[in-house]
Amino acid sequence: MRHYGKISDLPDTLSVFPLTGVLLLPRAQMPLNIFEPRYLSMIDAAMAGNRLIGMVQPTQSEDEVLRPPLSAVGCAGRITAYQETDDGRYLVTLTGICRFRVAEEPAVTTAFRQARADYAPFADDLKLPAEEGFPRERVTTLLRDYLTRRDLKVDWGSVMSAPPEALVNALCMLCPFEPREKQALLEAPGFADRVDILIALLEMSGVSAPGGNTVN
C-alpha cells in the first residue's frame, strides 16, 4: 500500500461516503459492498485517481432529509482491495489513512458528495501510536461482560494476541455502539484517549441486546 508520510501527501478534496453508524480509523480495514449507482461512480472516480475516499457519518438519516449534514470529522481511506461482481456490485476494502475535519462541502456536478479536508488536527494519525501501558486485561474483562449481555461472540485468541491499536480499532468499529458514540471514538485526540472512551462505553453499557451476532 502507498505510504503517506505527511499530510501534504493527501488530497485537498475527497469524495465522501456518508454512512450512519460506520466508523473507519487509521490503519484499520473496512469491507464495503457498493451497489448504489452514485457510489459505484464514486469508486470508479477513486480508482481512476488517488484511490482515496472519505468515510463520514451524516448527522441525520437520509430518510429524514435528502442531503443530511455531515459530521465535522471523518476518516480518509485508501481502496486496497477491489473486486467487481457479476451483478454489477463492487466489493472493496478501505484501509484508514488519516482523519480529517470537513472544512467545506463544495457544490459539485458529480452524483456523489465531496468535501475539502483539513488533516492538520490529525497529522499524528500518520505515525504509529505509543501503545505502552495498554490496559489489555481491563479491556478484555469489560469486553467479556459487554458481549455476554448482548449474546455476542468473539475470537478470544485474536483478542488476546492482537496488537493494542489493532484490537482497539476492531472493537471501536465492530461493537454495536450508537452513532454518536462511534463519532466520539473517531474524534478522540489520540490513541490513549480512544482507549479511555472505549472503556467508558463498555463500562456504561448494561442493556442487553438481541443475540445472534458475531464480532470477529
C-alpha atoms as a PDB file:
ATOM      1  CA  MET A   1       0.000   0.000   0.000  1.00  0.00           C
ATOM      2  CA  ARG A   2       1.210   3.505  -0.740  1.00  0.00           C
ATOM      3  CA  HIS A   3       2.793   5.203   2.269  1.00  0.00           C
ATOM      4  CA  TYR A   4       1.653   8.676   3.280  1.00  0.00           C
ATOM      5  CA  GLY A   5       4.442  10.284   5.270  1.00  0.00           C
ATOM      6  CA  LYS A   6       2.948  13.745   5.726  1.00  0.00           C
ATOM      7  CA  ILE A   7      -0.454  15.359   5.377  1.00  0.00           C
ATOM      8  CA  SER A   8       0.667  17.281   2.286  1.00  0.00           C
ATOM      9  CA  ASP A   9       0.698  13.881   0.520  1.00  0.00           C
ATOM     10  CA  LEU A  10      -3.101  13.759   0.906  1.00  0.00           C
ATOM     11  CA  PRO A  11      -5.574  15.458  -1.448  1.00  0.00           C
ATOM     12  CA  ASP A  12      -7.302  18.702  -0.501  1.00  0.00           C
ATOM     13  CA  THR A  13     -10.651  17.370  -1.700  1.00  0.00           C
ATOM     14  CA  LEU A  14     -12.138  13.943  -1.066  1.00  0.00           C
ATOM     15  CA  SER A  15     -15.157  12.125  -2.403  1.00  0.00           C
ATOM     16  CA  VAL A  16     -17.213  11.307   0.684  1.00  0.00           C
ATOM     17  CA  PHE A  17     -19.345   8.305   1.540  1.00  0.00           C
ATOM     18  CA  PRO A  18     -21.848   9.259   4.269  1.00  0.00           C
ATOM     19  CA  LEU A  19     -22.866   6.186   6.299  1.00  0.00           C
ATOM     20  CA  THR A  20     -24.588   6.274   9.667  1.00  0.00           C
ATOM     21  CA  GLY A  21     -23.056   4.084  12.350  1.00  0.00           C
ATOM     22  CA  VAL A  22     -19.986   3.261  10.267  1.00  0.00           C
ATOM     23  CA  LEU A  23     -16.546   4.053  11.631  1.00  0.00           C
ATOM     24  CA  LEU A  24     -13.160   3.922   9.885  1.00  0.00           C
ATOM     25  CA  LEU A  25      -9.963   4.506  11.850  1.00  0.00           C
ATOM     26  CA  PRO A  26      -6.339   4.937  10.715  1.00  0.00           C
ATOM     27  CA  ARG A  27      -4.670   1.626   9.803  1.00  0.00           C
ATOM     28  CA  ALA A  28      -7.946  -0.276  10.188  1.00  0.00           C
ATOM     29  CA  GLN A  29      -9.633  -2.087   7.310  1.00  0.00           C
ATOM     30  CA  MET A  30     -13.267  -1.838   6.321  1.00  0.00           C
ATOM     31  CA  PRO A  31     -15.027  -4.045   3.740  1.00  0.00           C
ATOM     32  CA  LEU A  32     -17.733  -2.331   1.689  1.00  0.00           C
ATOM     33  CA  ASN A  33     -20.384  -3.738  -0.635  1.00  0.00           C
ATOM     34  CA  ILE A  34     -21.122  -0.976  -3.153  1.00  0.00           C
ATOM     35  CA  PHE A  35     -24.292  -1.156  -5.231  1.00  0.00           C
ATOM     36  CA  GLU A  36     -25.923   2.303  -5.411  1.00  0.00           C
ATOM     37  CA  PRO A  37     -25.186   3.986  -8.786  1.00  0.00           C
ATOM     38  CA  ARG A  38     -23.827   7.186  -7.206  1.00  0.00           C
ATOM     39  CA  TYR A  39     -21.367   5.241  -5.088  1.00  0.00           C
ATOM     40  CA  LEU A  40     -20.387   2.970  -7.962  1.00  0.00           C
ATOM     41  CA  SER A  41     -19.463   6.230  -9.731  1.00  0.00           C
ATOM     42  CA  MET A  42     -17.561   7.356  -6.661  1.00  0.00           C
ATOM     43  CA  ILE A  43     -15.487   4.162  -6.645  1.00  0.00           C
ATOM     44  CA  ASP A  44     -14.864   4.495 -10.388  1.00  0.00           C
ATOM     45  CA  ALA A  45     -13.555   8.028  -9.843  1.00  0.00           C
ATOM     46  CA  ALA A  46     -11.386   6.964  -6.918  1.00  0.00           C
ATOM     47  CA  MET A  47      -9.899   4.029  -8.818  1.00  0.00           C
ATOM     48  CA  ALA A  48      -9.094   6.315 -11.742  1.00  0.00           C
ATOM     49  CA  GLY A  49      -7.375   8.750  -9.381  1.00  0.00           C
ATOM     50  CA  ASN A  50      -5.766   8.530  -5.964  1.00  0.00           C
ATOM     51  CA  ARG A  51      -7.956   5.646  -4.653  1.00  0.00           C
ATOM     52  CA  LEU A  52      -8.925   7.712  -1.617  1.00  0.00           C
ATOM     53  CA  ILE A  53     -12.426   8.373  -0.288  1.00  0.00           C
ATOM     54  CA  GLY A  54     -13.645   9.866   2.965  1.00  0.00           C
ATOM     55  CA  MET A  55     -15.950   7.971   5.321  1.00  0.00           C
ATOM     56  CA  VAL A  56     -18.174  10.407   7.226  1.00  0.00           C
ATOM     57  CA  GLN A  57     -21.257   9.886   9.346  1.00  0.00           C
ATOM     58  CA  PRO A  58     -24.210  12.122   8.455  1.00  0.00           C
ATOM     59  CA  THR A  59     -25.825  13.857  11.404  1.00  0.00           C
ATOM     60  CA  GLN A  60     -29.302  12.924  10.156  1.00  0.00           C
ATOM     61  CA  SER A  61     -30.744   9.978   8.249  1.00  0.00           C
ATOM     62  CA  GLU A  62     -31.397  10.212   4.520  1.00  0.00           C
ATOM     63  CA  ASP A  63     -34.895   9.012   5.426  1.00  0.00           C
ATOM     64  CA  GLU A  64     -35.395  12.362   7.148  1.00  0.00           C
ATOM     65  CA  VAL A  65     -33.630  14.734   4.766  1.00  0.00           C
ATOM     66  CA  LEU A  66     -32.425  14.316   1.190  1.00  0.00           C
ATOM     67  CA  ARG A  67     -28.949  15.759   1.818  1.00  0.00           C
ATOM     68  CA  PRO A  68     -28.147  15.306   5.507  1.00  0.00           C
ATOM     69  CA  PRO A  69     -25.412  17.436   7.059  1.00  0.00           C
ATOM     70  CA  LEU A  70     -22.054  15.745   7.521  1.00  0.00           C
ATOM     71  CA  SER A  71     -20.368  15.227  10.866  1.00  0.00           C
ATOM     72  CA  ALA A  72     -17.439  17.535  11.498  1.00  0.00           C
ATOM     73  CA  VAL A  73     -14.828  14.757  11.356  1.00  0.00           C
ATOM     74  CA  GLY A  74     -14.348  11.782   9.034  1.00  0.00           C
ATOM     75  CA  CYS A  75     -11.517   9.461   8.030  1.00  0.00           C
ATOM     76  CA  ALA A  76      -9.817   9.141   4.665  1.00  0.00           C
ATOM     77  CA  GLY A  77      -9.387   5.594   3.450  1.00  0.00           C
ATOM     78  CA  ARG A  78      -7.491   4.101   0.529  1.00  0.00           C
ATOM     79  CA  ILE A  79      -9.021   1.362  -1.603  1.00  0.00           C
ATOM     80  CA  THR A  80      -6.627  -1.527  -1.011  1.00  0.00           C
ATOM     81  CA  ALA A  81      -8.779  -4.336  -2.449  1.00  0.00           C
ATOM     82  CA  TYR A  82     -11.255  -4.181  -5.309  1.00  0.00           C
ATOM     83  CA  GLN A  83     -13.490  -6.744  -6.975  1.00  0.00           C
ATOM     84  CA  GLU A  84     -16.384  -6.479  -9.436  1.00  0.00           C
ATOM     85  CA  THR A  85     -19.246  -8.960  -9.163  1.00  0.00           C
ATOM     86  CA  ASP A  86     -21.333 -10.450 -11.952  1.00  0.00           C
ATOM     87  CA  ASP A  87     -24.363  -8.471 -10.803  1.00  0.00           C
ATOM     88  CA  GLY A  88     -22.593  -5.108 -11.037  1.00  0.00           C
ATOM     89  CA  ARG A  89     -21.562  -4.549  -7.432  1.00  0.00           C
ATOM     90  CA  TYR A  90     -18.110  -3.570  -6.214  1.00  0.00           C
ATOM     91  CA  LEU A  91     -16.572  -5.325  -3.220  1.00  0.00           C
ATOM     92  CA  VAL A  92     -13.853  -3.083  -1.867  1.00  0.00           C
ATOM     93  CA  THR A  93     -11.697  -2.833   1.217  1.00  0.00           C
ATOM     94  CA  LEU A  94     -10.743   0.557   2.619  1.00  0.00           C
ATOM     95  CA  THR A  95      -7.665   0.969   4.763  1.00  0.00           C
ATOM     96  CA  GLY A  96      -7.838   4.018   7.027  1.00  0.00           C
ATOM     97  CA  ILE A  97      -5.130   6.619   6.435  1.00  0.00           C
ATOM     98  CA  CYS A  98      -5.863   9.820   8.351  1.00  0.00           C
ATOM     99  CA  ARG A  99      -8.794  11.579   9.938  1.00  0.00           C
ATOM    100  CA  PHE A 100      -9.866  14.963   8.629  1.00  0.00           C
ATOM    101  CA  ARG A 101     -12.105  17.849   9.554  1.00  0.00           C
ATOM    102  CA  VAL A 102     -14.727  18.760   6.959  1.00  0.00           C
ATOM    103  CA  ALA A 103     -13.600  22.275   6.088  1.00  0.00           C
ATOM    104  CA  GLU A 104     -16.209  22.842   3.379  1.00  0.00           C
ATOM    105  CA  GLU A 105     -18.578  20.913   1.165  1.00  0.00           C
ATOM    106  CA  PRO A 106     -18.306  22.492  -2.298  1.00  0.00           C
ATOM    107  CA  ALA A 107     -21.024  22.458  -4.916  1.00  0.00           C
ATOM    108  CA  VAL A 108     -20.257  19.656  -7.380  1.00  0.00           C
ATOM    109  CA  THR A 109     -21.721  18.158 -10.527  1.00  0.00           C
ATOM    110  CA  THR A 110     -20.904  14.580  -9.531  1.00  0.00           C
ATOM    111  CA  ALA A 111     -23.625  12.269  -8.243  1.00  0.00           C
ATOM    112  CA  PHE A 112     -21.604  11.765  -5.051  1.00  0.00           C
ATOM    113  CA  ARG A 113     -20.690  14.374  -2.480  1.00  0.00           C
ATOM    114  CA  GLN A 114     -17.234  15.825  -1.928  1.00  0.00           C
ATOM    115  CA  ALA A 115     -15.539  17.694   0.893  1.00  0.00           C
ATOM    116  CA  ARG A 116     -12.481  19.847   1.363  1.00  0.00           C
ATOM    117  CA  ALA A 117     -10.464  18.118   4.013  1.00  0.00           C
ATOM    118  CA  ASP A 118      -8.359  19.647   6.775  1.00  0.00           C
ATOM    119  CA  TYR A 119      -5.962  16.968   8.026  1.00  0.00           C
ATOM    120  CA  ALA A 120      -3.831  19.281  10.165  1.00  0.00           C
ATOM    121  CA  PRO A 121      -5.522  18.494  13.513  1.00  0.00           C
ATOM    122  CA  PHE A 122      -4.830  14.782  12.923  1.00  0.00           C
ATOM    123  CA  ALA A 123      -1.309  14.794  11.474  1.00  0.00           C
ATOM    124  CA  ASP A 124      -0.206  12.297  14.128  1.00  0.00           C
ATOM    125  CA  ASP A 125      -2.526   9.706  12.549  1.00  0.00           C
ATOM    126  CA  LEU A 126       0.251   9.067  10.047  1.00  0.00           C
ATOM    127  CA  LYS A 127       2.518   7.833  12.863  1.00  0.00           C
ATOM    128  CA  LEU A 128       2.180   4.636  14.862  1.00  0.00           C
ATOM    129  CA  PRO A 129       0.756   5.388  18.325  1.00  0.00           C
ATOM    130  CA  ALA A 130       2.540   4.796  21.601  1.00  0.00           C
ATOM    131  CA  GLU A 131       0.968   1.629  22.994  1.00  0.00           C
ATOM    132  CA  GLU A 132       2.892   1.281  26.261  1.00  0.00           C
ATOM    133  CA  GLY A 133       0.702   0.694  29.272  1.00  0.00           C
ATOM    134  CA  PHE A 134      -2.269  -0.551  27.261  1.00  0.00           C
ATOM    135  CA  PRO A 135      -4.762  -1.973  29.822  1.00  0.00           C
ATOM    136  CA  ARG A 136      -5.480  -5.203  27.944  1.00  0.00           C
ATOM    137  CA  GLU A 137      -6.758  -7.090  30.980  1.00  0.00           C
ATOM    138  CA  ARG A 138      -9.252  -4.367  31.856  1.00  0.00           C
ATOM    139  CA  VAL A 139     -10.436  -4.058  28.258  1.00  0.00           C
ATOM    140  CA  THR A 140     -10.901  -7.811  27.852  1.00  0.00           C
ATOM    141  CA  THR A 141     -12.755  -8.131  31.173  1.00  0.00           C
ATOM    142  CA  LEU A 142     -15.165  -5.360  30.219  1.00  0.00           C
ATOM    143  CA  LEU A 143     -15.495  -6.755  26.709  1.00  0.00           C
ATOM    144  CA  ARG A 144     -16.422 -10.192  28.026  1.00  0.00           C
ATOM    145  CA  ASP A 145     -19.229  -8.674  30.113  1.00  0.00           C
ATOM    146  CA  TYR A 146     -20.380  -6.456  27.239  1.00  0.00           C
ATOM    147  CA  LEU A 147     -20.577  -9.376  24.812  1.00  0.00           C
ATOM    148  CA  THR A 148     -22.254 -11.678  27.334  1.00  0.00           C
ATOM    149  CA  ARG A 149     -25.012  -9.119  27.921  1.00  0.00           C
ATOM    150  CA  ARG A 150     -25.658  -8.987  24.177  1.00  0.00           C
ATOM    151  CA  ASP A 151     -25.183 -12.679  23.407  1.00  0.00           C
ATOM    152  CA  LEU A 152     -22.345 -11.771  21.032  1.00  0.00           C
ATOM    153  CA  LYS A 153     -19.330 -13.955  20.306  1.00  0.00           C
ATOM    154  CA  VAL A 154     -15.686 -13.155  19.678  1.00  0.00           C
ATOM    155  CA  ASP A 155     -12.488 -14.998  18.818  1.00  0.00           C
ATOM    156  CA  TRP A 156     -10.747 -14.686  22.176  1.00  0.00           C
ATOM    157  CA  GLY A 157      -7.471 -15.961  20.775  1.00  0.00           C
ATOM    158  CA  SER A 158      -7.410 -12.981  18.425  1.00  0.00           C
ATOM    159  CA  VAL A 159      -8.399 -10.612  21.223  1.00  0.00           C
ATOM    160  CA  MET A 160      -5.529 -11.750  23.415  1.00  0.00           C
ATOM    161  CA  SER A 161      -2.892 -11.754  20.674  1.00  0.00           C
ATOM    162  CA  ALA A 162      -3.856  -8.668  18.632  1.00  0.00           C
ATOM    163  CA  PRO A 163      -1.577  -5.616  18.880  1.00  0.00           C
ATOM    164  CA  PRO A 164      -3.204  -2.902  21.026  1.00  0.00           C
ATOM    165  CA  GLU A 165      -4.119  -0.483  18.227  1.00  0.00           C
ATOM    166  CA  ALA A 166      -5.495  -3.262  16.022  1.00  0.00           C
ATOM    167  CA  LEU A 167      -7.612  -4.563  18.909  1.00  0.00           C
ATOM    168  CA  VAL A 168      -8.953  -1.131  19.843  1.00  0.00           C
ATOM    169  CA  ASN A 169      -9.722  -0.295  16.211  1.00  0.00           C
ATOM    170  CA  ALA A 170     -11.601  -3.564  15.760  1.00  0.00           C
ATOM    171  CA  LEU A 171     -13.666  -3.090  18.918  1.00  0.00           C
ATOM    172  CA  CYS A 172     -14.480   0.535  18.093  1.00  0.00           C
ATOM    173  CA  MET A 173     -15.562  -0.365  14.567  1.00  0.00           C
ATOM    174  CA  LEU A 174     -17.352  -3.668  15.187  1.00  0.00           C
ATOM    175  CA  CYS A 175     -19.069  -3.270  18.553  1.00  0.00           C
ATOM    176  CA  PRO A 176     -22.673  -2.071  18.081  1.00  0.00           C
ATOM    177  CA  PHE A 177     -22.225   1.328  19.676  1.00  0.00           C
ATOM    178  CA  GLU A 178     -24.616   4.182  18.889  1.00  0.00           C
ATOM    179  CA  PRO A 179     -23.631   6.537  16.024  1.00  0.00           C
ATOM    180  CA  ARG A 180     -22.833   9.389  18.428  1.00  0.00           C
ATOM    181  CA  GLU A 181     -20.624   7.015  20.421  1.00  0.00           C
ATOM    182  CA  LYS A 182     -18.838   5.933  17.248  1.00  0.00           C
ATOM    183  CA  GLN A 183     -18.263   9.606  16.448  1.00  0.00           C
ATOM    184  CA  ALA A 184     -16.796  10.207  19.901  1.00  0.00           C
ATOM    185  CA  LEU A 185     -14.371   7.322  19.339  1.00  0.00           C
ATOM    186  CA  LEU A 186     -13.406   8.770  15.960  1.00  0.00           C
ATOM    187  CA  GLU A 187     -12.825  12.253  17.344  1.00  0.00           C
ATOM    188  CA  ALA A 188     -10.695  11.132  20.306  1.00  0.00           C
ATOM    189  CA  PRO A 189      -7.491  13.211  20.168  1.00  0.00           C
ATOM    190  CA  GLY A 190      -5.152  10.227  20.350  1.00  0.00           C
ATOM    191  CA  PHE A 191      -4.884   6.502  20.968  1.00  0.00           C
ATOM    192  CA  ALA A 192      -4.875   6.722  24.778  1.00  0.00           C
ATOM    193  CA  ASP A 193      -7.970   8.938  24.665  1.00  0.00           C
ATOM    194  CA  ARG A 194      -9.724   6.452  22.382  1.00  0.00           C
ATOM    195  CA  VAL A 195      -8.916   3.638  24.801  1.00  0.00           C
ATOM    196  CA  ASP A 196     -10.402   5.688  27.663  1.00  0.00           C
ATOM    197  CA  ILE A 197     -13.605   6.334  25.698  1.00  0.00           C
ATOM    198  CA  LEU A 198     -13.856   2.677  24.693  1.00  0.00           C
ATOM    199  CA  ILE A 199     -13.504   1.607  28.325  1.00  0.00           C
ATOM    200  CA  ALA A 200     -16.141   4.133  29.381  1.00  0.00           C
ATOM    201  CA  LEU A 201     -18.585   2.864  26.748  1.00  0.00           C
ATOM    202  CA  LEU A 202     -18.036  -0.735  27.786  1.00  0.00           C
ATOM    203  CA  GLU A 203     -18.492   0.209  31.445  1.00  0.00           C
ATOM    204  CA  MET A 204     -21.669   2.212  30.837  1.00  0.00           C
ATOM    205  CA  SER A 205     -23.296  -0.471  28.766  1.00  0.00           C
ATOM    206  CA  GLY A 206     -25.692  -2.559  30.811  1.00  0.00           C
ATOM    207  CA  VAL A 207     -28.620  -3.087  28.481  1.00  0.00           C
ATOM    208  CA  SER A 208     -28.979  -6.453  26.775  1.00  0.00           C
ATOM    209  CA  ALA A 209     -29.324  -6.516  23.011  1.00  0.00           C
ATOM    210  CA  PRO A 210     -30.822  -9.163  20.708  1.00  0.00           C
ATOM    211  CA  GLY A 211     -28.436 -12.046  20.182  1.00  0.00           C
ATOM    212  CA  GLY A 212     -27.194 -13.885  17.181  1.00  0.00           C
ATOM    213  CA  ASN A 213     -24.456 -11.526  16.000  1.00  0.00           C
ATOM    214  CA  THR A 214     -20.765 -12.274  15.924  1.00  0.00           C
ATOM    215  CA  VAL A 215     -17.796  -9.935  16.277  1.00  0.00           C
ATOM    216  CA  ASN A 216     -14.753 -11.400  14.561  1.00  0.00           C
END
